[in-house]
PDB file of N, CA and C in Angstrom:
ATOM      1  N   MET A   1      37.834 161.353  50.417  1.00  0.00           N
ATOM      2  CA  MET A   1      38.440 160.158  49.860  1.00  0.00           C
ATOM      3  C   MET A   1      38.622 160.342  48.355  1.00  0.00           C
ATOM      4  N   THR A   2      39.777 159.940  47.844  1.00  0.00           N
ATOM      5  CA  THR A   2      40.085 160.075  46.425  1.00  0.00           C
ATOM      6  C   THR A   2      39.492 158.916  45.640  1.00  0.00           C
ATOM      7  N   GLU A   3      38.828 159.236  44.547  1.00  0.00           N
ATOM      8  CA  GLU A   3      38.315 158.206  43.648  1.00  0.00           C
ATOM      9  C   GLU A   3      39.497 157.555  42.941  1.00  0.00           C
ATOM     10  N   THR A   4      39.380 156.249  42.621  1.00  0.00           N
ATOM     11  CA  THR A   4      40.466 155.572  41.919  1.00  0.00           C
ATOM     12  C   THR A   4      40.082 155.350  40.459  1.00  0.00           C
ATOM     13  N   TYR A   5      41.103 155.278  39.606  1.00  0.00           N
ATOM     14  CA  TYR A   5      40.914 155.117  38.167  1.00  0.00           C
ATOM     15  C   TYR A   5      41.749 153.941  37.686  1.00  0.00           C
ATOM     16  N   SER A   6      41.148 153.097  36.866  1.00  0.00           N
ATOM     17  CA  SER A   6      41.819 151.899  36.364  1.00  0.00           C
ATOM     18  C   SER A   6      42.661 152.205  35.142  1.00  0.00           C
ATOM     19  N   VAL A   7      43.600 153.084  35.314  1.00  0.00           N
ATOM     20  CA  VAL A   7      44.596 153.397  34.293  1.00  0.00           C
ATOM     21  C   VAL A   7      45.950 153.262  34.979  1.00  0.00           C
ATOM     22  N   ARG A   8      47.021 153.336  34.194  1.00  0.00           N
ATOM     23  CA  ARG A   8      48.322 153.229  34.843  1.00  0.00           C
ATOM     24  C   ARG A   8      49.358 154.087  34.135  1.00  0.00           C
ATOM     25  N   TRP A   9      50.370 154.429  34.910  1.00  0.00           N
ATOM     26  CA  TRP A   9      51.541 155.098  34.373  1.00  0.00           C
ATOM     27  C   TRP A   9      52.519 154.026  33.931  1.00  0.00           C
ATOM     28  N   VAL A  10      53.080 154.178  32.745  1.00  0.00           N
ATOM     29  CA  VAL A  10      54.156 153.318  32.259  1.00  0.00           C
ATOM     30  C   VAL A  10      55.373 154.223  32.140  1.00  0.00           C
ATOM     31  N   VAL A  11      56.431 153.878  32.845  1.00  0.00           N
ATOM     32  CA  VAL A  11      57.616 154.738  32.844  1.00  0.00           C
ATOM     33  C   VAL A  11      58.871 153.917  32.564  1.00  0.00           C
ATOM     34  N   ASP A  12      59.822 154.561  31.903  1.00  0.00           N
ATOM     35  CA  ASP A  12      61.145 153.986  31.736  1.00  0.00           C
ATOM     36  C   ASP A  12      62.135 155.016  32.266  1.00  0.00           C
ATOM     37  N   PRO A  13      63.417 154.760  32.201  1.00  0.00           N
ATOM     38  CA  PRO A  13      64.368 155.700  32.795  1.00  0.00           C
ATOM     39  C   PRO A  13      64.324 157.118  32.223  1.00  0.00           C
ATOM     40  N   GLY A  14      63.727 157.301  31.042  1.00  0.00           N
ATOM     41  CA  GLY A  14      63.732 158.630  30.442  1.00  0.00           C
ATOM     42  C   GLY A  14      62.387 159.284  30.244  1.00  0.00           C
ATOM     43  N   HIS A  15      61.313 158.507  30.377  1.00  0.00           N
ATOM     44  CA  HIS A  15      60.022 159.101  30.042  1.00  0.00           C
ATOM     45  C   HIS A  15      58.872 158.321  30.654  1.00  0.00           C
ATOM     46  N   GLY A  16      57.661 158.865  30.519  1.00  0.00           N
ATOM     47  CA  GLY A  16      56.481 158.194  31.036  1.00  0.00           C
ATOM     48  C   GLY A  16      55.253 158.507  30.211  1.00  0.00           C
ATOM     49  N   TRP A  17      54.283 157.596  30.291  1.00  0.00           N
ATOM     50  CA  TRP A  17      53.036 157.734  29.547  1.00  0.00           C
ATOM     51  C   TRP A  17      51.894 157.245  30.422  1.00  0.00           C
ATOM     52  N   LEU A  18      50.749 157.850  30.262  1.00  0.00           N
ATOM     53  CA  LEU A  18      49.538 157.409  30.943  1.00  0.00           C
ATOM     54  C   LEU A  18      48.791 156.486  29.995  1.00  0.00           C
ATOM     55  N   GLU A  19      48.614 155.237  30.395  1.00  0.00           N
ATOM     56  CA  GLU A  19      47.930 154.230  29.581  1.00  0.00           C
ATOM     57  C   GLU A  19      46.428 154.304  29.852  1.00  0.00           C
ATOM     58  N   VAL A  20      45.663 154.657  28.824  1.00  0.00           N
ATOM     59  CA  VAL A  20      44.207 154.793  28.966  1.00  0.00           C
ATOM     60  C   VAL A  20      43.526 154.113  27.781  1.00  0.00           C
ATOM     61  N   GLU A  21      42.240 153.859  27.922  1.00  0.00           N
ATOM     62  CA  GLU A  21      41.465 153.298  26.817  1.00  0.00           C
ATOM     63  C   GLU A  21      41.489 154.281  25.648  1.00  0.00           C
ATOM     64  N   LEU A  22      41.663 153.750  24.446  1.00  0.00           N
ATOM     65  CA  LEU A  22      41.754 154.594  23.262  1.00  0.00           C
ATOM     66  C   LEU A  22      40.494 155.430  23.072  1.00  0.00           C
ATOM     67  N   ASP A  23      39.324 154.847  23.306  1.00  0.00           N
ATOM     68  CA  ASP A  23      38.097 155.626  23.116  1.00  0.00           C
ATOM     69  C   ASP A  23      38.014 156.790  24.098  1.00  0.00           C
ATOM     70  N   GLU A  24      38.547 156.614  25.309  1.00  0.00           N
ATOM     71  CA  GLU A  24      38.573 157.718  26.267  1.00  0.00           C
ATOM     72  C   GLU A  24      39.558 158.802  25.832  1.00  0.00           C
ATOM     73  N   ALA A  25      40.697 158.388  25.292  1.00  0.00           N
ATOM     74  CA  ALA A  25      41.672 159.365  24.797  1.00  0.00           C
ATOM     75  C   ALA A  25      41.073 160.174  23.653  1.00  0.00           C
ATOM     76  N   LEU A  26      40.327 159.515  22.786  1.00  0.00           N
ATOM     77  CA  LEU A  26      39.677 160.219  21.671  1.00  0.00           C
ATOM     78  C   LEU A  26      38.662 161.234  22.184  1.00  0.00           C
ATOM     79  N   GLU A  27      37.850 160.820  23.140  1.00  0.00           N
ATOM     80  CA  GLU A  27      36.861 161.744  23.709  1.00  0.00           C
ATOM     81  C   GLU A  27      37.546 162.924  24.387  1.00  0.00           C
ATOM     82  N   ALA A  28      38.606 162.640  25.129  1.00  0.00           N
ATOM     83  CA  ALA A  28      39.339 163.706  25.821  1.00  0.00           C
ATOM     84  C   ALA A  28      39.949 164.679  24.816  1.00  0.00           C
ATOM     85  N   ALA A  29      40.506 164.149  23.731  1.00  0.00           N
ATOM     86  CA  ALA A  29      41.120 165.005  22.707  1.00  0.00           C
ATOM     87  C   ALA A  29      40.083 165.913  22.057  1.00  0.00           C
ATOM     88  N   ARG A  30      38.900 165.400  21.864  1.00  0.00           N
ATOM     89  CA  ARG A  30      37.834 166.217  21.256  1.00  0.00           C
ATOM     90  C   ARG A  30      37.308 167.267  22.229  1.00  0.00           C
ATOM     91  N   ALA A  31      37.261 166.907  23.502  1.00  0.00           N
ATOM     92  CA  ALA A  31      36.668 167.802  24.499  1.00  0.00           C
ATOM     93  C   ALA A  31      37.644 168.838  25.047  1.00  0.00           C
ATOM     94  N   VAL A  32      38.926 168.486  25.158  1.00  0.00           N
ATOM     95  CA  VAL A  32      39.887 169.360  25.836  1.00  0.00           C
ATOM     96  C   VAL A  32      40.813 170.039  24.836  1.00  0.00           C
ATOM     97  N   ARG A  33      41.640 169.256  24.156  1.00  0.00           N
ATOM     98  CA  ARG A  33      42.545 169.786  23.124  1.00  0.00           C
ATOM     99  C   ARG A  33      43.194 168.599  22.414  1.00  0.00           C
ATOM    100  N   PRO A  34      43.744 168.818  21.233  1.00  0.00           N
ATOM    101  CA  PRO A  34      44.353 167.711  20.480  1.00  0.00           C
ATOM    102  C   PRO A  34      45.548 167.091  21.208  1.00  0.00           C
ATOM    103  N   ILE A  35      45.766 165.830  20.924  1.00  0.00           N
ATOM    104  CA  ILE A  35      46.894 165.088  21.473  1.00  0.00           C
ATOM    105  C   ILE A  35      48.074 165.224  20.517  1.00  0.00           C
ATOM    106  N   SER A  36      49.264 165.333  21.074  1.00  0.00           N
ATOM    107  CA  SER A  36      50.472 165.579  20.282  1.00  0.00           C
ATOM    108  C   SER A  36      51.062 164.290  19.693  1.00  0.00           C
ATOM    109  N   ALA A  37      52.048 164.474  18.843  1.00  0.00           N
ATOM    110  CA  ALA A  37      52.779 163.357  18.237  1.00  0.00           C
ATOM    111  C   ALA A  37      53.663 162.641  19.246  1.00  0.00           C
ATOM    112  N   CYS A  38      53.766 163.135  20.461  1.00  0.00           N
ATOM    113  CA  CYS A  38      54.604 162.509  21.494  1.00  0.00           C
ATOM    114  C   CYS A  38      53.906 161.330  22.166  1.00  0.00           C
ATOM    115  N   SER A  39      52.637 161.129  21.857  1.00  0.00           N
ATOM    116  CA  SER A  39      51.878 160.023  22.432  1.00  0.00           C
ATOM    117  C   SER A  39      51.777 158.893  21.417  1.00  0.00           C
ATOM    118  N   TYR A  40      51.343 157.728  21.900  1.00  0.00           N
ATOM    119  CA  TYR A  40      51.323 156.516  21.084  1.00  0.00           C
ATOM    120  C   TYR A  40      49.981 155.808  21.189  1.00  0.00           C
ATOM    121  N   VAL A  41      49.728 154.914  20.218  1.00  0.00           N
ATOM    122  CA  VAL A  41      48.517 154.099  20.233  1.00  0.00           C
ATOM    123  C   VAL A  41      48.872 152.635  20.009  1.00  0.00           C
ATOM    124  N   ASP A  42      48.094 151.767  20.638  1.00  0.00           N
ATOM    125  CA  ASP A  42      48.169 150.327  20.415  1.00  0.00           C
ATOM    126  C   ASP A  42      46.777 149.923  19.952  1.00  0.00           C
ATOM    127  N   LEU A  43      46.581 149.897  18.640  1.00  0.00           N
ATOM    128  CA  LEU A  43      45.262 149.615  18.078  1.00  0.00           C
ATOM    129  C   LEU A  43      44.798 148.207  18.399  1.00  0.00           C
ATOM    130  N   ASP A  44      45.716 147.248  18.468  1.00  0.00           N
ATOM    131  CA  ASP A  44      45.344 145.867  18.772  1.00  0.00           C
ATOM    132  C   ASP A  44      44.723 145.731  20.153  1.00  0.00           C
ATOM    133  N   ARG A  45      45.218 146.492  21.090  1.00  0.00           N
ATOM    134  CA  ARG A  45      44.717 146.429  22.469  1.00  0.00           C
ATOM    135  C   ARG A  45      43.726 147.543  22.790  1.00  0.00           C
ATOM    136  N   GLY A  46      43.547 148.499  21.867  1.00  0.00           N
ATOM    137  CA  GLY A  46      42.621 149.600  22.101  1.00  0.00           C
ATOM    138  C   GLY A  46      43.078 150.544  23.195  1.00  0.00           C
ATOM    139  N   LEU A  47      44.402 150.797  23.233  1.00  0.00           N
ATOM    140  CA  LEU A  47      44.961 151.646  24.280  1.00  0.00           C
ATOM    141  C   LEU A  47      45.714 152.827  23.690  1.00  0.00           C
ATOM    142  N   ALA A  48      45.713 153.906  24.436  1.00  0.00           N
ATOM    143  CA  ALA A  48      46.515 155.083  24.098  1.00  0.00           C
ATOM    144  C   ALA A  48      47.517 155.274  25.224  1.00  0.00           C
ATOM    145  N   TYR A  49      48.705 155.739  24.854  1.00  0.00           N
ATOM    146  CA  TYR A  49      49.763 156.030  25.814  1.00  0.00           C
ATOM    147  C   TYR A  49      50.057 157.518  25.699  1.00  0.00           C
ATOM    148  N   LEU A  50      49.508 158.271  26.632  1.00  0.00           N
ATOM    149  CA  LEU A  50      49.579 159.728  26.590  1.00  0.00           C
ATOM    150  C   LEU A  50      50.837 160.224  27.297  1.00  0.00           C
ATOM    151  N   GLU A  51      51.660 160.927  26.547  1.00  0.00           N
ATOM    152  CA  GLU A  51      52.950 161.410  27.034  1.00  0.00           C
ATOM    153  C   GLU A  51      52.760 162.258  28.296  1.00  0.00           C
ATOM    154  N   GLU A  52      53.613 162.024  29.272  1.00  0.00           N
ATOM    155  CA  GLU A  52      53.434 162.613  30.604  1.00  0.00           C
ATOM    156  C   GLU A  52      53.436 164.136  30.634  1.00  0.00           C
ATOM    157  N   ASP A  53      54.283 164.769  29.831  1.00  0.00           N
ATOM    158  CA  ASP A  53      54.415 166.224  29.886  1.00  0.00           C
ATOM    159  C   ASP A  53      53.401 166.957  29.018  1.00  0.00           C
ATOM    160  N   CYS A  54      53.108 166.409  27.864  1.00  0.00           N
ATOM    161  CA  CYS A  54      52.232 167.111  26.908  1.00  0.00           C
ATOM    162  C   CYS A  54      50.767 166.689  26.986  1.00  0.00           C
ATOM    163  N   ASP A  55      50.534 165.388  27.106  1.00  0.00           N
ATOM    164  CA  ASP A  55      49.195 164.884  26.813  1.00  0.00           C
ATOM    165  C   ASP A  55      48.443 164.199  27.945  1.00  0.00           C
ATOM    166  N   ALA A  56      49.129 163.689  28.943  1.00  0.00           N
ATOM    167  CA  ALA A  56      48.421 163.016  30.039  1.00  0.00           C
ATOM    168  C   ALA A  56      47.420 163.961  30.693  1.00  0.00           C
ATOM    169  N   GLY A  57      47.774 165.225  30.771  1.00  0.00           N
ATOM    170  CA  GLY A  57      46.882 166.224  31.361  1.00  0.00           C
ATOM    171  C   GLY A  57      45.571 166.381  30.619  1.00  0.00           C
ATOM    172  N   ILE A  58      45.560 166.052  29.337  1.00  0.00           N
ATOM    173  CA  ILE A  58      44.311 166.126  28.558  1.00  0.00           C
ATOM    174  C   ILE A  58      43.302 165.146  29.131  1.00  0.00           C
ATOM    175  N   TRP A  59      43.738 163.904  29.368  1.00  0.00           N
ATOM    176  CA  TRP A  59      42.847 162.896  29.939  1.00  0.00           C
ATOM    177  C   TRP A  59      42.468 163.270  31.368  1.00  0.00           C
ATOM    178  N   LEU A  60      43.452 163.733  32.143  1.00  0.00           N
ATOM    179  CA  LEU A  60      43.175 164.117  33.531  1.00  0.00           C
ATOM    180  C   LEU A  60      42.144 165.242  33.603  1.00  0.00           C
ATOM    181  N   GLU A  61      42.287 166.252  32.751  1.00  0.00           N
ATOM    182  CA  GLU A  61      41.308 167.356  32.704  1.00  0.00           C
ATOM    183  C   GLU A  61      39.936 166.851  32.287  1.00  0.00           C
ATOM    184  N   TRP A  62      39.906 165.965  31.304  1.00  0.00           N
ATOM    185  CA  TRP A  62      38.635 165.428  30.805  1.00  0.00           C
ATOM    186  C   TRP A  62      37.901 164.682  31.916  1.00  0.00           C
ATOM    187  N   VAL A  63      38.628 163.837  32.650  1.00  0.00           N
ATOM    188  CA  VAL A  63      38.005 163.093  33.746  1.00  0.00           C
ATOM    189  C   VAL A  63      37.562 164.046  34.850  1.00  0.00           C
ATOM    190  N   ALA A  64      38.400 165.027  35.153  1.00  0.00           N
ATOM    191  CA  ALA A  64      38.068 165.992  36.210  1.00  0.00           C
ATOM    192  C   ALA A  64      36.908 166.885  35.813  1.00  0.00           C
ATOM    193  N   GLY A  65      36.712 167.050  34.508  1.00  0.00           N
ATOM    194  CA  GLY A  65      35.660 167.945  34.040  1.00  0.00           C
ATOM    195  C   GLY A  65      36.035 169.401  34.218  1.00  0.00           C
ATOM    196  N   SER A  66      37.337 169.645  34.398  1.00  0.00           N
ATOM    197  CA  SER A  66      37.803 170.992  34.688  1.00  0.00           C
ATOM    198  C   SER A  66      39.309 171.066  34.480  1.00  0.00           C
ATOM    199  N   SER A  67      39.797 172.272  34.202  1.00  0.00           N
ATOM    200  CA  SER A  67      41.245 172.479  34.134  1.00  0.00           C
ATOM    201  C   SER A  67      41.789 173.005  35.457  1.00  0.00           C
ATOM    202  N   ASP A  68      40.920 173.112  36.452  1.00  0.00           N
ATOM    203  CA  ASP A  68      41.326 173.556  37.783  1.00  0.00           C
ATOM    204  C   ASP A  68      42.408 172.629  38.340  1.00  0.00           C
ATOM    205  N   ASP A  69      43.527 173.212  38.775  1.00  0.00           N
ATOM    206  CA  ASP A  69      44.666 172.425  39.246  1.00  0.00           C
ATOM    207  C   ASP A  69      44.291 171.425  40.336  1.00  0.00           C
ATOM    208  N   ASP A  70      43.463 171.831  41.286  1.00  0.00           N
ATOM    209  CA  ASP A  70      43.096 170.931  42.374  1.00  0.00           C
ATOM    210  C   ASP A  70      42.265 169.754  41.871  1.00  0.00           C
ATOM    211  N   ALA A  71      41.366 170.003  40.930  1.00  0.00           N
ATOM    212  CA  ALA A  71      40.537 168.937  40.374  1.00  0.00           C
ATOM    213  C   ALA A  71      41.388 167.955  39.576  1.00  0.00           C
ATOM    214  N   VAL A  72      42.299 168.472  38.766  1.00  0.00           N
ATOM    215  CA  VAL A  72      43.183 167.620  37.967  1.00  0.00           C
ATOM    216  C   VAL A  72      44.109 166.818  38.881  1.00  0.00           C
ATOM    217  N   ARG A  73      44.639 167.457  39.895  1.00  0.00           N
ATOM    218  CA  ARG A  73      45.517 166.775  40.855  1.00  0.00           C
ATOM    219  C   ARG A  73      44.771 165.646  41.555  1.00  0.00           C
ATOM    220  N   ALA A  74      43.524 165.844  41.896  1.00  0.00           N
ATOM    221  CA  ALA A  74      42.735 164.801  42.559  1.00  0.00           C
ATOM    222  C   ALA A  74      42.586 163.583  41.660  1.00  0.00           C
ATOM    223  N   VAL A  75      42.370 163.810  40.366  1.00  0.00           N
ATOM    224  CA  VAL A  75      42.278 162.688  39.432  1.00  0.00           C
ATOM    225  C   VAL A  75      43.640 161.996  39.330  1.00  0.00           C
ATOM    226  N   ALA A  76      44.712 162.767  39.199  1.00  0.00           N
ATOM    227  CA  ALA A  76      46.052 162.186  39.088  1.00  0.00           C
ATOM    228  C   ALA A  76      46.382 161.325  40.299  1.00  0.00           C
ATOM    229  N   LEU A  77      45.982 161.766  41.472  1.00  0.00           N
ATOM    230  CA  LEU A  77      46.244 160.993  42.688  1.00  0.00           C
ATOM    231  C   LEU A  77      45.436 159.703  42.731  1.00  0.00           C
ATOM    232  N   GLY A  78      44.367 159.630  41.947  1.00  0.00           N
ATOM    233  CA  GLY A  78      43.535 158.434  41.919  1.00  0.00           C
ATOM    234  C   GLY A  78      43.988 157.376  40.927  1.00  0.00           C
ATOM    235  N   VAL A  79      45.015 157.682  40.132  1.00  0.00           N
ATOM    236  CA  VAL A  79      45.543 156.684  39.189  1.00  0.00           C
ATOM    237  C   VAL A  79      46.165 155.565  40.006  1.00  0.00           C
ATOM    238  N   GLU A  80      45.655 154.354  39.814  1.00  0.00           N
ATOM    239  CA  GLU A  80      46.072 153.277  40.703  1.00  0.00           C
ATOM    240  C   GLU A  80      47.181 152.388  40.166  1.00  0.00           C
ATOM    241  N   GLY A  81      47.486 152.471  38.884  1.00  0.00           N
ATOM    242  CA  GLY A  81      48.482 151.571  38.327  1.00  0.00           C
ATOM    243  C   GLY A  81      49.798 152.253  38.006  1.00  0.00           C
ATOM    244  N   PHE A  82      50.864 151.440  38.060  1.00  0.00           N
ATOM    245  CA  PHE A  82      52.198 151.948  37.764  1.00  0.00           C
ATOM    246  C   PHE A  82      53.038 150.780  37.269  1.00  0.00           C
ATOM    247  N   HIS A  83      53.703 150.975  36.138  1.00  0.00           N
ATOM    248  CA  HIS A  83      54.600 149.950  35.613  1.00  0.00           C
ATOM    249  C   HIS A  83      55.931 150.605  35.274  1.00  0.00           C
ATOM    250  N   HIS A  84      56.983 150.159  35.918  1.00  0.00           N
ATOM    251  CA  HIS A  84      58.325 150.710  35.672  1.00  0.00           C
ATOM    252  C   HIS A  84      59.111 149.729  34.817  1.00  0.00           C
ATOM    253  N   CYS A  85      59.673 150.224  33.715  1.00  0.00           N
ATOM    254  CA  CYS A  85      60.528 149.421  32.836  1.00  0.00           C
ATOM    255  C   CYS A  85      61.984 149.747  33.158  1.00  0.00           C
ATOM    256  N   ASP A  86      62.799 148.733  33.338  1.00  0.00           N
ATOM    257  CA  ASP A  86      64.220 148.962  33.624  1.00  0.00           C
ATOM    258  C   ASP A  86      64.932 149.556  32.411  1.00  0.00           C
ATOM    259  N   GLY A  87      64.589 149.080  31.231  1.00  0.00           N
ATOM    260  CA  GLY A  87      65.150 149.615  29.991  1.00  0.00           C
ATOM    261  C   GLY A  87      64.110 150.485  29.316  1.00  0.00           C
ATOM    262  N   LEU A  88      64.289 150.711  28.022  1.00  0.00           N
ATOM    263  CA  LEU A  88      63.317 151.513  27.289  1.00  0.00           C
ATOM    264  C   LEU A  88      61.981 150.785  27.214  1.00  0.00           C
ATOM    265  N   ALA A  89      60.915 151.503  27.438  1.00  0.00           N
ATOM    266  CA  ALA A  89      59.567 150.920  27.447  1.00  0.00           C
ATOM    267  C   ALA A  89      59.145 150.503  26.043  1.00  0.00           C
ATOM    268  N   TRP A  90      58.346 149.441  25.979  1.00  0.00           N
ATOM    269  CA  TRP A  90      57.787 148.965  24.714  1.00  0.00           C
ATOM    270  C   TRP A  90      56.935 150.028  24.044  1.00  0.00           C
ATOM    271  N   VAL A  91      56.453 150.972  24.819  1.00  0.00           N
ATOM    272  CA  VAL A  91      55.608 152.040  24.295  1.00  0.00           C
ATOM    273  C   VAL A  91      56.302 152.751  23.137  1.00  0.00           C
ATOM    274  N   ARG A  92      57.601 152.924  23.244  1.00  0.00           N
ATOM    275  CA  ARG A  92      58.361 153.650  22.214  1.00  0.00           C
ATOM    276  C   ARG A  92      58.283 152.983  20.839  1.00  0.00           C
ATOM    277  N   GLY A  93      57.935 151.704  20.799  1.00  0.00           N
ATOM    278  CA  GLY A  93      57.831 150.975  19.537  1.00  0.00           C
ATOM    279  C   GLY A  93      56.445 150.974  18.925  1.00  0.00           C
ATOM    280  N   LEU A  94      55.494 151.596  19.595  1.00  0.00           N
ATOM    281  CA  LEU A  94      54.131 151.651  19.081  1.00  0.00           C
ATOM    282  C   LEU A  94      53.981 152.747  18.032  1.00  0.00           C
ATOM    283  N   GLU A  95      52.831 152.760  17.380  1.00  0.00           N
ATOM    284  CA  GLU A  95      52.535 153.809  16.400  1.00  0.00           C
ATOM    285  C   GLU A  95      52.350 155.144  17.107  1.00  0.00           C
ATOM    286  N   SER A  96      52.912 156.172  16.534  1.00  0.00           N
ATOM    287  CA  SER A  96      52.752 157.517  17.070  1.00  0.00           C
ATOM    288  C   SER A  96      51.301 157.972  16.909  1.00  0.00           C
ATOM    289  N   TRP A  97      50.852 158.781  17.845  1.00  0.00           N
ATOM    290  CA  TRP A  97      49.509 159.361  17.726  1.00  0.00           C
ATOM    291  C   TRP A  97      49.377 160.112  16.405  1.00  0.00           C
ATOM    292  N   SER A  98      50.461 160.734  15.945  1.00  0.00           N
ATOM    293  CA  SER A  98      50.396 161.499  14.691  1.00  0.00           C
ATOM    294  C   SER A  98      50.099 160.586  13.507  1.00  0.00           C
ATOM    295  N   TRP A  99      50.536 159.326  13.571  1.00  0.00           N
ATOM    296  CA  TRP A  99      50.184 158.367  12.520  1.00  0.00           C
ATOM    297  C   TRP A  99      48.686 158.061  12.601  1.00  0.00           C
ATOM    298  N   PHE A 100      48.214 157.848  13.826  1.00  0.00           N
ATOM    299  CA  PHE A 100      46.809 157.536  14.055  1.00  0.00           C
ATOM    300  C   PHE A 100      45.923 158.700  13.640  1.00  0.00           C
ATOM    301  N   ASP A 101      46.348 159.898  13.949  1.00  0.00           N
ATOM    302  CA  ASP A 101      45.595 161.133  13.644  1.00  0.00           C
ATOM    303  C   ASP A 101      46.231 161.823  12.433  1.00  0.00           C
ATOM    304  N   ARG A 102      46.307 161.084  11.317  1.00  0.00           N
ATOM    305  CA  ARG A 102      46.981 161.597  10.126  1.00  0.00           C
ATOM    306  C   ARG A 102      46.448 162.950   9.637  1.00  0.00           C
ATOM    307  N   ASP A 103      45.161 163.159   9.813  1.00  0.00           N
ATOM    308  CA  ASP A 103      44.536 164.391   9.307  1.00  0.00           C
ATOM    309  C   ASP A 103      44.546 165.518  10.332  1.00  0.00           C
ATOM    310  N   GLY A 104      45.060 165.247  11.518  1.00  0.00           N
ATOM    311  CA  GLY A 104      45.137 166.283  12.536  1.00  0.00           C
ATOM    312  C   GLY A 104      43.792 166.794  13.025  1.00  0.00           C
ATOM    313  N   VAL A 105      42.792 165.903  13.084  1.00  0.00           N
ATOM    314  CA  VAL A 105      41.449 166.343  13.479  1.00  0.00           C
ATOM    315  C   VAL A 105      41.087 165.920  14.900  1.00  0.00           C
ATOM    316  N   LEU A 106      41.913 165.100  15.518  1.00  0.00           N
ATOM    317  CA  LEU A 106      41.564 164.602  16.872  1.00  0.00           C
ATOM    318  C   LEU A 106      42.202 165.447  17.941  1.00  0.00           C
TER     319      LEU A 106
END
């Protein structure tokens, strides 16, 4: 049985992001690898939006505790939320991770 995770994918017609708690994104970035400027943060809500191609895998690997494809895939299959935007997602208007990580240390 696949474990479920209270995170969600936010997608629009051109892109997608994994919405996770900001503190978890920070821990994942420190443990796995830095997050790119393609991801976003919502400081008011304490959320990170990890870009689907570059950065979502950082959180997935962190939760899986491994970079093994099967372990990461199992975590990805456990993501229970999904939000589809008909137009461009509000995520695009948030602060870039690069603004949040101005010193490039995360």
